[in-house]
């Protein structure tokens, strides 16, 4: 198994790919003590690493349970004998997946805690589907969206800013701050004195939206000033131009709503996955490009399966553990 200790910071896609490798390796029965140490270091690199592993593991478990159910319904042994040279779907699920069930029983208990431990190492954090408000005295009021990790910066016992490790937050600065309130995210810095603004750090991109007042965004050798209803997006390499946006759509999560207007289904699935336990898996690229128009309540995400069934050609299968397979 590859040791990722000296690897550069990976993208979201690479993290997911590495998580799948760990899932397969740890359930293979060939993992060594050194692999266990390397895995713990990999999970500790960021909350996203641990979260990706838990998601991949949940999908794997859901497949195993589904395979067991199918084998029972068909009166078949979980490890069917070879009837032809062609691998069937049931043979793959019933054999390769069900064979690793014993490994999952050994791993399940500690691994369920590691994602929470990664989040809880931050000063402020939220779990899946959780939102909370934190008042930093004489500094700012901070709203945390789902799966958010934040550290607090202090200078001479005064709170001067935050570090957004991942997730999304809306910040309202307190009146009378002597110093600008700062938010560091990836390789950029946001500064504000009297303002309300939204910062989202997901998929290796940071999106900064000014909702009230003025906000300065510094990225490498560039700096821009944002007015209300203006937004910029940056990654490690570049800062976008200033765009005008609808603040109500940016802050819909504050009303516990998700708003999609012609959004490709693949992006809708990615967003919904941030708020619900389990995992939604889209297995058709063409279907993922279908535009979706929807308003979803975060308190009724169980309606998502019904929404997807309205998409042309979409079929949804529900598996244990909150797994939905869209095909």
C-alpha atoms as a PDB file:
ATOM      1  CA  UNK A   1       0.000   0.000   0.000  1.00  0.00           C
ATOM      2  CA  UNK A   2       1.271   3.463  -0.876  1.00  0.00           C
ATOM      3  CA  UNK A   3       2.495   5.625   2.004  1.00  0.00           C
ATOM      4  CA  UNK A   4       1.142   9.149   1.504  1.00  0.00           C
ATOM      5  CA  UNK A   5       3.253  10.895   4.154  1.00  0.00           C
ATOM      6  CA  UNK A   6       5.295  12.903   1.681  1.00  0.00           C
ATOM      7  CA  UNK A   7       2.652  13.362  -1.012  1.00  0.00           C
ATOM      8  CA  UNK A   8       1.488  16.868  -1.991  1.00  0.00           C
ATOM      9  CA  UNK A   9      -1.945  18.090  -0.905  1.00  0.00           C
ATOM     10  CA  UNK A  10      -4.327  16.077  -3.097  1.00  0.00           C
ATOM     11  CA  UNK A  11      -7.474  17.207  -4.865  1.00  0.00           C
ATOM     12  CA  UNK A  12     -10.928  16.040  -3.810  1.00  0.00           C
ATOM     13  CA  UNK A  13     -10.973  13.448  -6.627  1.00  0.00           C
ATOM     14  CA  UNK A  14      -7.585  12.099  -5.584  1.00  0.00           C
ATOM     15  CA  UNK A  15      -8.639  11.894  -1.934  1.00  0.00           C
ATOM     16  CA  UNK A  16     -11.677   9.843  -2.960  1.00  0.00           C
ATOM     17  CA  UNK A  17      -9.507   7.562  -5.102  1.00  0.00           C
ATOM     18  CA  UNK A  18      -7.051   7.042  -2.239  1.00  0.00           C
ATOM     19  CA  UNK A  19      -9.946   6.350   0.156  1.00  0.00           C
ATOM     20  CA  UNK A  20     -11.191   3.586  -2.150  1.00  0.00           C
ATOM     21  CA  UNK A  21      -7.691   2.080  -2.199  1.00  0.00           C
ATOM     22  CA  UNK A  22      -7.649   2.032   1.600  1.00  0.00           C
ATOM     23  CA  UNK A  23     -11.117   0.452   1.714  1.00  0.00           C
ATOM     24  CA  UNK A  24     -10.025  -2.372  -0.570  1.00  0.00           C
ATOM     25  CA  UNK A  25      -6.654  -2.875   1.107  1.00  0.00           C
ATOM     26  CA  UNK A  26      -7.897  -2.839   4.709  1.00  0.00           C
ATOM     27  CA  UNK A  27     -10.620  -5.374   3.892  1.00  0.00           C
ATOM     28  CA  UNK A  28      -8.276  -7.658   1.942  1.00  0.00           C
ATOM     29  CA  UNK A  29      -6.750  -9.357   4.965  1.00  0.00           C
ATOM     30  CA  UNK A  30      -3.252  -8.375   3.795  1.00  0.00           C
ATOM     31  CA  UNK A  31      -2.883  -5.110   5.759  1.00  0.00           C
ATOM     32  CA  UNK A  32       0.169  -4.970   8.028  1.00  0.00           C
ATOM     33  CA  UNK A  33       0.823  -2.993  11.211  1.00  0.00           C
ATOM     34  CA  UNK A  34       2.828  -0.519   9.119  1.00  0.00           C
ATOM     35  CA  UNK A  35      -0.177  -0.113   6.829  1.00  0.00           C
ATOM     36  CA  UNK A  36      -2.290   0.656   9.887  1.00  0.00           C
ATOM     37  CA  UNK A  37       0.077   3.420  10.953  1.00  0.00           C
ATOM     38  CA  UNK A  38       0.181   4.830   7.408  1.00  0.00           C
ATOM     39  CA  UNK A  39      -3.618   4.765   7.285  1.00  0.00           C
ATOM     40  CA  UNK A  40      -3.944   6.661  10.561  1.00  0.00           C
ATOM     41  CA  UNK A  41      -1.552   9.327   9.268  1.00  0.00           C
ATOM     42  CA  UNK A  42      -3.534   9.552   6.019  1.00  0.00           C
ATOM     43  CA  UNK A  43      -6.838  10.034   7.876  1.00  0.00           C
ATOM     44  CA  UNK A  44      -5.276  12.732  10.085  1.00  0.00           C
ATOM     45  CA  UNK A  45      -4.212  14.887   7.133  1.00  0.00           C
ATOM     46  CA  UNK A  46      -7.608  16.647   6.997  1.00  0.00           C
ATOM     47  CA  UNK A  47     -11.275  16.113   7.864  1.00  0.00           C
ATOM     48  CA  UNK A  48     -11.909  15.534   4.152  1.00  0.00           C
ATOM     49  CA  UNK A  49      -9.574  12.510   4.144  1.00  0.00           C
ATOM     50  CA  UNK A  50     -11.368  10.836   7.046  1.00  0.00           C
ATOM     51  CA  UNK A  51     -14.781  11.769   5.628  1.00  0.00           C
ATOM     52  CA  UNK A  52     -13.931  10.318   2.203  1.00  0.00           C
ATOM     53  CA  UNK A  53     -12.907   7.022   3.782  1.00  0.00           C
ATOM     54  CA  UNK A  54     -16.116   6.787   5.808  1.00  0.00           C
ATOM     55  CA  UNK A  55     -18.205   7.472   2.700  1.00  0.00           C
ATOM     56  CA  UNK A  56     -16.394   4.852   0.603  1.00  0.00           C
ATOM     57  CA  UNK A  57     -16.693   2.377   3.444  1.00  0.00           C
ATOM     58  CA  UNK A  58     -20.440   3.021   3.720  1.00  0.00           C
ATOM     59  CA  UNK A  59     -20.894   2.370   0.007  1.00  0.00           C
ATOM     60  CA  UNK A  60     -18.917  -0.852   0.320  1.00  0.00           C
ATOM     61  CA  UNK A  61     -21.007  -1.965   3.318  1.00  0.00           C
ATOM     62  CA  UNK A  62     -24.233  -1.125   1.499  1.00  0.00           C
ATOM     63  CA  UNK A  63     -23.141  -3.226  -1.475  1.00  0.00           C
ATOM     64  CA  UNK A  64     -22.261  -6.117   0.811  1.00  0.00           C
ATOM     65  CA  UNK A  65     -25.654  -5.992   2.510  1.00  0.00           C
ATOM     66  CA  UNK A  66     -27.439  -5.743  -0.819  1.00  0.00           C
ATOM     67  CA  UNK A  67     -25.476  -8.690  -2.168  1.00  0.00           C
ATOM     68  CA  UNK A  68     -26.373 -10.774   0.868  1.00  0.00           C
ATOM     69  CA  UNK A  69     -30.059  -9.908   0.429  1.00  0.00           C
ATOM     70  CA  UNK A  70     -29.968 -10.773  -3.257  1.00  0.00           C
ATOM     71  CA  UNK A  71     -28.279 -14.101  -2.553  1.00  0.00           C
ATOM     72  CA  UNK A  72     -30.887 -14.997   0.075  1.00  0.00           C
ATOM     73  CA  UNK A  73     -33.775 -13.972  -2.174  1.00  0.00           C
ATOM     74  CA  UNK A  74     -32.387 -16.093  -5.012  1.00  0.00           C
ATOM     75  CA  UNK A  75     -31.646 -19.039  -2.737  1.00  0.00           C
ATOM     76  CA  UNK A  76     -28.006 -18.797  -3.695  1.00  0.00           C
ATOM     77  CA  UNK A  77     -24.864 -19.252  -1.634  1.00  0.00           C
ATOM     78  CA  UNK A  78     -23.093 -15.892  -0.908  1.00  0.00           C
ATOM     79  CA  UNK A  79     -20.087 -17.268  -2.792  1.00  0.00           C
ATOM     80  CA  UNK A  80     -21.670 -18.784  -5.933  1.00  0.00           C
ATOM     81  CA  UNK A  81     -19.839 -21.443  -7.821  1.00  0.00           C
ATOM     82  CA  UNK A  82     -18.571 -20.606 -11.233  1.00  0.00           C
ATOM     83  CA  UNK A  83     -21.232 -21.384 -13.832  1.00  0.00           C
ATOM     84  CA  UNK A  84     -19.550 -19.714 -16.785  1.00  0.00           C
ATOM     85  CA  UNK A  85     -16.476 -17.707 -17.690  1.00  0.00           C
ATOM     86  CA  UNK A  86     -18.484 -14.469 -17.443  1.00  0.00           C
ATOM     87  CA  UNK A  87     -18.494 -12.443 -14.208  1.00  0.00           C
ATOM     88  CA  UNK A  88     -22.056 -11.549 -13.252  1.00  0.00           C
ATOM     89  CA  UNK A  89     -22.968  -8.624 -11.047  1.00  0.00           C
ATOM     90  CA  UNK A  90     -24.239 -10.980  -8.367  1.00  0.00           C
ATOM     91  CA  UNK A  91     -21.036 -13.006  -8.453  1.00  0.00           C
ATOM     92  CA  UNK A  92     -18.989  -9.851  -7.934  1.00  0.00           C
ATOM     93  CA  UNK A  93     -21.128  -8.526  -5.089  1.00  0.00           C
ATOM     94  CA  UNK A  94     -21.720 -11.865  -3.440  1.00  0.00           C
ATOM     95  CA  UNK A  95     -18.107 -12.939  -3.716  1.00  0.00           C
ATOM     96  CA  UNK A  96     -15.703 -10.024  -3.553  1.00  0.00           C
ATOM     97  CA  UNK A  97     -17.823  -7.903  -1.225  1.00  0.00           C
ATOM     98  CA  UNK A  98     -19.370 -10.449   1.107  1.00  0.00           C
ATOM     99  CA  UNK A  99     -15.986 -12.118   1.576  1.00  0.00           C
ATOM    100  CA  UNK A 100     -14.704  -8.994   3.331  1.00  0.00           C
ATOM    101  CA  UNK A 101     -17.515  -8.752   5.888  1.00  0.00           C
ATOM    102  CA  UNK A 102     -15.347 -10.130   8.691  1.00  0.00           C
ATOM    103  CA  UNK A 103     -12.791  -7.376   8.104  1.00  0.00           C
ATOM    104  CA  UNK A 104     -15.478  -4.725   8.405  1.00  0.00           C
ATOM    105  CA  UNK A 105     -16.677  -6.117  11.739  1.00  0.00           C
ATOM    106  CA  UNK A 106     -13.183  -5.624  13.122  1.00  0.00           C
ATOM    107  CA  UNK A 107     -12.735  -2.121  11.690  1.00  0.00           C
ATOM    108  CA  UNK A 108     -16.171  -0.590  12.128  1.00  0.00           C
ATOM    109  CA  UNK A 109     -16.112   0.625  15.717  1.00  0.00           C
ATOM    110  CA  UNK A 110     -12.879   2.715  15.789  1.00  0.00           C
ATOM    111  CA  UNK A 111     -13.293   4.036  12.247  1.00  0.00           C
ATOM    112  CA  UNK A 112     -16.745   5.489  12.971  1.00  0.00           C
ATOM    113  CA  UNK A 113     -15.063   7.737  15.515  1.00  0.00           C
ATOM    114  CA  UNK A 114     -12.124   8.978  13.440  1.00  0.00           C
ATOM    115  CA  UNK A 115     -14.098  11.468  11.349  1.00  0.00           C
ATOM    116  CA  UNK A 116     -15.486  13.061  14.520  1.00  0.00           C
ATOM    117  CA  UNK A 117     -12.023  13.109  16.081  1.00  0.00           C
ATOM    118  CA  UNK A 118     -10.627  14.917  13.031  1.00  0.00           C
ATOM    119  CA  UNK A 119     -13.338  17.553  13.218  1.00  0.00           C
ATOM    120  CA  UNK A 120     -13.161  17.927  16.980  1.00  0.00           C
ATOM    121  CA  UNK A 121      -9.471  18.804  16.816  1.00  0.00           C
ATOM    122  CA  UNK A 122     -10.579  22.194  15.430  1.00  0.00           C
ATOM    123  CA  UNK A 123     -11.750  25.048  17.660  1.00  0.00           C
ATOM    124  CA  UNK A 124     -15.175  25.178  15.990  1.00  0.00           C
ATOM    125  CA  UNK A 125     -16.783  22.404  13.964  1.00  0.00           C
ATOM    126  CA  UNK A 126     -20.042  20.876  12.771  1.00  0.00           C
ATOM    127  CA  UNK A 127     -20.956  17.345  11.743  1.00  0.00           C
ATOM    128  CA  UNK A 128     -23.032  16.122   8.823  1.00  0.00           C
ATOM    129  CA  UNK A 129     -26.271  18.108   8.532  1.00  0.00           C
ATOM    130  CA  UNK A 130     -25.434  20.224  11.589  1.00  0.00           C
ATOM    131  CA  UNK A 131     -25.519  24.019  11.698  1.00  0.00           C
ATOM    132  CA  UNK A 132     -24.624  26.237  14.626  1.00  0.00           C
ATOM    133  CA  UNK A 133     -23.992  29.830  15.664  1.00  0.00           C
ATOM    134  CA  UNK A 134     -20.971  30.934  17.702  1.00  0.00           C
ATOM    135  CA  UNK A 135     -20.513  34.447  19.108  1.00  0.00           C
ATOM    136  CA  UNK A 136     -16.874  35.494  19.441  1.00  0.00           C
ATOM    137  CA  UNK A 137     -16.924  38.338  22.012  1.00  0.00           C
ATOM    138  CA  UNK A 138     -15.878  41.726  20.610  1.00  0.00           C
ATOM    139  CA  UNK A 139     -14.982  40.079  17.298  1.00  0.00           C
ATOM    140  CA  UNK A 140     -17.732  38.463  15.216  1.00  0.00           C
ATOM    141  CA  UNK A 141     -20.785  36.231  15.058  1.00  0.00           C
ATOM    142  CA  UNK A 142     -20.013  33.049  13.145  1.00  0.00           C
ATOM    143  CA  UNK A 143     -22.597  30.793  11.489  1.00  0.00           C
ATOM    144  CA  UNK A 144     -21.254  27.351  10.637  1.00  0.00           C
ATOM    145  CA  UNK A 145     -22.823  25.237   7.911  1.00  0.00           C
ATOM    146  CA  UNK A 146     -22.593  21.443   7.673  1.00  0.00           C
ATOM    147  CA  UNK A 147     -19.193  19.706   7.831  1.00  0.00           C
ATOM    148  CA  UNK A 148     -17.269  22.836   8.716  1.00  0.00           C
ATOM    149  CA  UNK A 149     -13.946  23.038  10.544  1.00  0.00           C
ATOM    150  CA  UNK A 150     -12.580  26.370  11.861  1.00  0.00           C
ATOM    151  CA  UNK A 151      -9.648  27.428  14.024  1.00  0.00           C
ATOM    152  CA  UNK A 152      -9.638  30.730  15.928  1.00  0.00           C
ATOM    153  CA  UNK A 153      -6.753  33.224  15.720  1.00  0.00           C
ATOM    154  CA  UNK A 154      -5.883  35.243  18.823  1.00  0.00           C
ATOM    155  CA  UNK A 155      -3.487  38.121  19.378  1.00  0.00           C
ATOM    156  CA  UNK A 156      -2.754  39.315  22.911  1.00  0.00           C
ATOM    157  CA  UNK A 157      -5.886  37.567  24.203  1.00  0.00           C
ATOM    158  CA  UNK A 158      -8.020  39.227  21.527  1.00  0.00           C
ATOM    159  CA  UNK A 159      -9.695  37.236  18.765  1.00  0.00           C
ATOM    160  CA  UNK A 160      -8.529  38.673  15.458  1.00  0.00           C
ATOM    161  CA  UNK A 161      -9.767  36.155  12.913  1.00  0.00           C
ATOM    162  CA  UNK A 162     -10.376  32.595  11.796  1.00  0.00           C
ATOM    163  CA  UNK A 163      -8.842  29.861   9.684  1.00  0.00           C
ATOM    164  CA  UNK A 164     -11.450  28.037   7.598  1.00  0.00           C
ATOM    165  CA  UNK A 165     -10.069  24.518   7.190  1.00  0.00           C
ATOM    166  CA  UNK A 166     -13.084  23.246   5.265  1.00  0.00           C
ATOM    167  CA  UNK A 167     -16.809  23.827   4.876  1.00  0.00           C
ATOM    168  CA  UNK A 168     -18.833  27.034   4.857  1.00  0.00           C
ATOM    169  CA  UNK A 169     -19.437  29.944   7.203  1.00  0.00           C
ATOM    170  CA  UNK A 170     -21.262  33.272   7.321  1.00  0.00           C
ATOM    171  CA  UNK A 171     -19.543  35.938   9.409  1.00  0.00           C
ATOM    172  CA  UNK A 172     -20.865  39.209  10.804  1.00  0.00           C
ATOM    173  CA  UNK A 173     -18.109  41.342  12.280  1.00  0.00           C
ATOM    174  CA  UNK A 174     -18.651  43.148  15.570  1.00  0.00           C
ATOM    175  CA  UNK A 175     -18.837  46.939  15.725  1.00  0.00           C
ATOM    176  CA  UNK A 176     -15.807  48.826  17.001  1.00  0.00           C
ATOM    177  CA  UNK A 177     -13.077  46.349  16.038  1.00  0.00           C
ATOM    178  CA  UNK A 178      -9.683  48.059  16.200  1.00  0.00           C
ATOM    179  CA  UNK A 179      -8.186  45.599  13.742  1.00  0.00           C
ATOM    180  CA  UNK A 180      -9.692  44.097  10.591  1.00  0.00           C
ATOM    181  CA  UNK A 181     -11.282  40.713  11.173  1.00  0.00           C
ATOM    182  CA  UNK A 182      -9.537  38.156   8.950  1.00  0.00           C
ATOM    183  CA  UNK A 183     -10.440  34.750   7.554  1.00  0.00           C
ATOM    184  CA  UNK A 184      -7.677  32.610   6.060  1.00  0.00           C
ATOM    185  CA  UNK A 185      -8.793  29.897   3.639  1.00  0.00           C
ATOM    186  CA  UNK A 186      -6.405  27.879   1.486  1.00  0.00           C
ATOM    187  CA  UNK A 187      -3.808  30.430   0.230  1.00  0.00           C
ATOM    188  CA  UNK A 188      -6.061  33.499   0.425  1.00  0.00           C
ATOM    189  CA  UNK A 189      -6.968  36.025   3.101  1.00  0.00           C
ATOM    190  CA  UNK A 190     -10.293  37.834   3.606  1.00  0.00           C
ATOM    191  CA  UNK A 191     -10.363  41.081   5.633  1.00  0.00           C
ATOM    192  CA  UNK A 192     -13.344  43.089   6.876  1.00  0.00           C
ATOM    193  CA  UNK A 193     -14.142  45.721   9.520  1.00  0.00           C
ATOM    194  CA  UNK A 194     -17.906  46.214   9.426  1.00  0.00           C
ATOM    195  CA  UNK A 195     -19.346  43.610   7.113  1.00  0.00           C
ATOM    196  CA  UNK A 196     -21.324  40.412   6.676  1.00  0.00           C
ATOM    197  CA  UNK A 197     -19.907  37.860   4.273  1.00  0.00           C
ATOM    198  CA  UNK A 198     -20.047  34.200   3.301  1.00  0.00           C
ATOM    199  CA  UNK A 199     -16.969  32.000   2.777  1.00  0.00           C
ATOM    200  CA  UNK A 200     -17.197  28.487   1.343  1.00  0.00           C
ATOM    201  CA  UNK A 201     -14.177  26.177   1.037  1.00  0.00           C
ATOM    202  CA  UNK A 202     -15.058  22.936  -0.789  1.00  0.00           C
ATOM    203  CA  UNK A 203     -13.650  21.004  -3.750  1.00  0.00           C
ATOM    204  CA  UNK A 204     -10.303  22.840  -3.502  1.00  0.00           C
ATOM    205  CA  UNK A 205     -12.008  26.169  -4.230  1.00  0.00           C
ATOM    206  CA  UNK A 206     -12.826  29.109  -1.984  1.00  0.00           C
ATOM    207  CA  UNK A 207     -15.871  31.249  -2.749  1.00  0.00           C
ATOM    208  CA  UNK A 208     -16.153  34.623  -0.989  1.00  0.00           C
ATOM    209  CA  UNK A 209     -19.430  36.590  -1.155  1.00  0.00           C
ATOM    210  CA  UNK A 210     -19.972  40.035   0.342  1.00  0.00           C
ATOM    211  CA  UNK A 211     -23.478  40.362   1.806  1.00  0.00           C
ATOM    212  CA  UNK A 212     -23.168  43.745   3.550  1.00  0.00           C
ATOM    213  CA  UNK A 213     -20.430  46.330   3.971  1.00  0.00           C
ATOM    214  CA  UNK A 214     -17.064  45.857   2.243  1.00  0.00           C
ATOM    215  CA  UNK A 215     -14.723  42.875   2.102  1.00  0.00           C
ATOM    216  CA  UNK A 216     -11.121  42.714   0.857  1.00  0.00           C
ATOM    217  CA  UNK A 217      -9.824  39.482  -0.657  1.00  0.00           C
ATOM    218  CA  UNK A 218      -6.072  38.964  -1.024  1.00  0.00           C
ATOM    219  CA  UNK A 219      -4.670  36.110  -3.090  1.00  0.00           C
ATOM    220  CA  UNK A 220      -0.987  35.831  -3.930  1.00  0.00           C
ATOM    221  CA  UNK A 221      -0.113  39.253  -5.413  1.00  0.00           C
ATOM    222  CA  UNK A 222      -3.715  40.228  -6.154  1.00  0.00           C
ATOM    223  CA  UNK A 223      -6.272  42.089  -4.071  1.00  0.00           C
ATOM    224  CA  UNK A 224      -9.919  42.974  -4.758  1.00  0.00           C
ATOM    225  CA  UNK A 225     -12.616  44.868  -2.879  1.00  0.00           C
ATOM    226  CA  UNK A 226     -16.103  43.352  -2.778  1.00  0.00           C
ATOM    227  CA  UNK A 227     -19.334  45.298  -2.383  1.00  0.00           C
ATOM    228  CA  UNK A 228     -22.693  43.731  -1.420  1.00  0.00           C
ATOM    229  CA  UNK A 229     -23.883  41.019  -3.858  1.00  0.00           C
ATOM    230  CA  UNK A 230     -20.377  40.593  -5.288  1.00  0.00           C
ATOM    231  CA  UNK A 231     -18.356  37.364  -5.254  1.00  0.00           C
ATOM    232  CA  UNK A 232     -14.931  36.005  -6.190  1.00  0.00           C
ATOM    233  CA  UNK A 233     -13.687  32.430  -6.394  1.00  0.00           C
ATOM    234  CA  UNK A 234     -10.093  31.289  -6.036  1.00  0.00           C
ATOM    235  CA  UNK A 235      -8.021  28.121  -5.858  1.00  0.00           C
ATOM    236  CA  UNK A 236      -4.321  27.574  -5.265  1.00  0.00           C
ATOM    237  CA  UNK A 237      -3.431  29.034  -8.674  1.00  0.00           C
ATOM    238  CA  UNK A 238      -5.741  31.905  -9.571  1.00  0.00           C
ATOM    239  CA  UNK A 239      -8.340  34.437  -8.451  1.00  0.00           C
ATOM    240  CA  UNK A 240     -11.442  34.941 -10.576  1.00  0.00           C
ATOM    241  CA  UNK A 241     -12.859  38.277 -11.653  1.00  0.00           C
ATOM    242  CA  UNK A 242     -15.575  39.872  -9.523  1.00  0.00           C
ATOM    243  CA  UNK A 243     -19.058  38.523 -10.287  1.00  0.00           C
ATOM    244  CA  UNK A 244     -22.506  39.775  -9.287  1.00  0.00           C
ATOM    245  CA  UNK A 245     -24.598  37.083  -7.569  1.00  0.00           C
ATOM    246  CA  UNK A 246     -27.978  36.615  -5.890  1.00  0.00           C
ATOM    247  CA  UNK A 247     -27.267  36.776  -2.123  1.00  0.00           C
ATOM    248  CA  UNK A 248     -30.457  34.839  -1.357  1.00  0.00           C
ATOM    249  CA  UNK A 249     -29.150  31.820  -3.245  1.00  0.00           C
ATOM    250  CA  UNK A 250     -25.751  32.028  -1.535  1.00  0.00           C
ATOM    251  CA  UNK A 251     -27.342  32.148   1.917  1.00  0.00           C
ATOM    252  CA  UNK A 252     -30.222  29.725   1.295  1.00  0.00           C
ATOM    253  CA  UNK A 253     -28.590  27.287   3.724  1.00  0.00           C
ATOM    254  CA  UNK A 254     -29.231  29.804   6.523  1.00  0.00           C
ATOM    255  CA  UNK A 255     -32.952  29.178   5.943  1.00  0.00           C
ATOM    256  CA  UNK A 256     -32.183  25.428   5.754  1.00  0.00           C
ATOM    257  CA  UNK A 257     -32.858  25.329   2.032  1.00  0.00           C
ATOM    258  CA  UNK A 258     -30.918  24.170  -1.023  1.00  0.00           C
ATOM    259  CA  UNK A 259     -31.698  25.993  -4.275  1.00  0.00           C
ATOM    260  CA  UNK A 260     -30.822  24.537  -7.686  1.00  0.00           C
ATOM    261  CA  UNK A 261     -31.494  26.423 -10.896  1.00  0.00           C
ATOM    262  CA  UNK A 262     -30.475  24.436 -13.967  1.00  0.00           C
ATOM    263  CA  UNK A 263     -27.755  22.711 -11.932  1.00  0.00           C
ATOM    264  CA  UNK A 264     -26.378  19.426 -13.366  1.00  0.00           C
ATOM    265  CA  UNK A 265     -27.601  16.438 -11.377  1.00  0.00           C
ATOM    266  CA  UNK A 266     -24.007  15.419 -10.563  1.00  0.00           C
ATOM    267  CA  UNK A 267     -23.462  18.740  -8.771  1.00  0.00           C
ATOM    268  CA  UNK A 268     -26.816  18.424  -7.000  1.00  0.00           C
ATOM    269  CA  UNK A 269     -25.798  14.990  -5.708  1.00  0.00           C
ATOM    270  CA  UNK A 270     -22.458  16.332  -4.461  1.00  0.00           C
ATOM    271  CA  UNK A 271     -24.213  19.138  -2.576  1.00  0.00           C
ATOM    272  CA  UNK A 272     -26.900  16.933  -1.017  1.00  0.00           C
ATOM    273  CA  UNK A 273     -24.210  14.488   0.113  1.00  0.00           C
ATOM    274  CA  UNK A 274     -22.779  17.232   2.317  1.00  0.00           C
ATOM    275  CA  UNK A 275     -25.967  17.356   4.375  1.00  0.00           C
ATOM    276  CA  UNK A 276     -27.238  13.803   4.728  1.00  0.00           C
ATOM    277  CA  UNK A 277     -25.743  10.734   6.407  1.00  0.00           C
ATOM    278  CA  UNK A 278     -24.836   7.864   4.136  1.00  0.00           C
ATOM    279  CA  UNK A 279     -23.951   8.424   0.493  1.00  0.00           C
ATOM    280  CA  UNK A 280     -25.701   9.060  -2.822  1.00  0.00           C
ATOM    281  CA  UNK A 281     -23.841   7.388  -5.677  1.00  0.00           C
ATOM    282  CA  UNK A 282     -24.453   8.478  -9.284  1.00  0.00           C
ATOM    283  CA  UNK A 283     -23.303   5.800 -11.730  1.00  0.00           C
ATOM    284  CA  UNK A 284     -24.275   7.380 -15.053  1.00  0.00           C
ATOM    285  CA  UNK A 285     -22.254  10.301 -16.445  1.00  0.00           C
ATOM    286  CA  UNK A 286     -24.887  11.245 -19.005  1.00  0.00           C
ATOM    287  CA  UNK A 287     -27.556  11.374 -16.313  1.00  0.00           C
ATOM    288  CA  UNK A 288     -25.223  13.515 -14.212  1.00  0.00           C
ATOM    289  CA  UNK A 289     -25.360  16.236 -16.866  1.00  0.00           C
ATOM    290  CA  UNK A 290     -29.161  16.547 -16.772  1.00  0.00           C
ATOM    291  CA  UNK A 291     -30.116  20.024 -15.414  1.00  0.00           C
ATOM    292  CA  UNK A 292     -32.179  20.135 -12.234  1.00  0.00           C
ATOM    293  CA  UNK A 293     -34.544  22.847 -10.997  1.00  0.00           C
ATOM    294  CA  UNK A 294     -35.428  22.326  -7.345  1.00  0.00           C
ATOM    295  CA  UNK A 295     -35.894  23.753  -3.869  1.00  0.00           C
ATOM    296  CA  UNK A 296     -34.985  21.232  -1.190  1.00  0.00           C
ATOM    297  CA  UNK A 297     -35.579  21.578   2.533  1.00  0.00           C
ATOM    298  CA  UNK A 298     -32.674  20.359   4.625  1.00  0.00           C
ATOM    299  CA  UNK A 299     -35.255  18.968   7.032  1.00  0.00           C
ATOM    300  CA  UNK A 300     -36.819  16.783   4.311  1.00  0.00           C
ATOM    301  CA  UNK A 301     -33.899  15.359   2.378  1.00  0.00           C
ATOM    302  CA  UNK A 302     -35.705  12.029   2.297  1.00  0.00           C
ATOM    303  CA  UNK A 303     -37.675  13.633  -0.563  1.00  0.00           C
ATOM    304  CA  UNK A 304     -34.542  13.657  -2.690  1.00  0.00           C
ATOM    305  CA  UNK A 305     -35.162  10.160  -4.061  1.00  0.00           C
ATOM    306  CA  UNK A 306     -38.598  11.251  -5.294  1.00  0.00           C
ATOM    307  CA  UNK A 307     -37.050  14.314  -6.940  1.00  0.00           C
ATOM    308  CA  UNK A 308     -34.468  12.220  -8.759  1.00  0.00           C
ATOM    309  CA  UNK A 309     -37.128   9.832 -10.038  1.00  0.00           C
ATOM    310  CA  UNK A 310     -38.657  12.787 -11.860  1.00  0.00           C
ATOM    311  CA  UNK A 311     -35.422  13.212 -13.832  1.00  0.00           C
ATOM    312  CA  UNK A 312     -35.742  11.549 -17.218  1.00  0.00           C
ATOM    313  CA  UNK A 313     -34.486   7.986 -17.178  1.00  0.00           C
ATOM    314  CA  UNK A 314     -33.380   8.055 -13.537  1.00  0.00           C
ATOM    315  CA  UNK A 315     -33.798   5.015 -11.333  1.00  0.00           C
ATOM    316  CA  UNK A 316     -33.070   5.080  -7.606  1.00  0.00           C
ATOM    317  CA  UNK A 317     -32.283   2.106  -5.442  1.00  0.00           C
ATOM    318  CA  UNK A 318     -32.159   2.452  -1.671  1.00  0.00           C
ATOM    319  CA  UNK A 319     -29.651   0.367   0.298  1.00  0.00           C
ATOM    320  CA  UNK A 320     -29.035   0.059   4.036  1.00  0.00           C
ATOM    321  CA  UNK A 321     -26.902   2.708   5.709  1.00  0.00           C
ATOM    322  CA  UNK A 322     -28.437   5.654   3.854  1.00  0.00           C
ATOM    323  CA  UNK A 323     -27.026   4.572   0.481  1.00  0.00           C
ATOM    324  CA  UNK A 324     -28.883   5.656  -2.677  1.00  0.00           C
ATOM    325  CA  UNK A 325     -27.744   4.326  -6.057  1.00  0.00           C
ATOM    326  CA  UNK A 326     -28.854   6.513  -9.001  1.00  0.00           C
ATOM    327  CA  UNK A 327     -28.650   4.825 -12.393  1.00  0.00           C
END
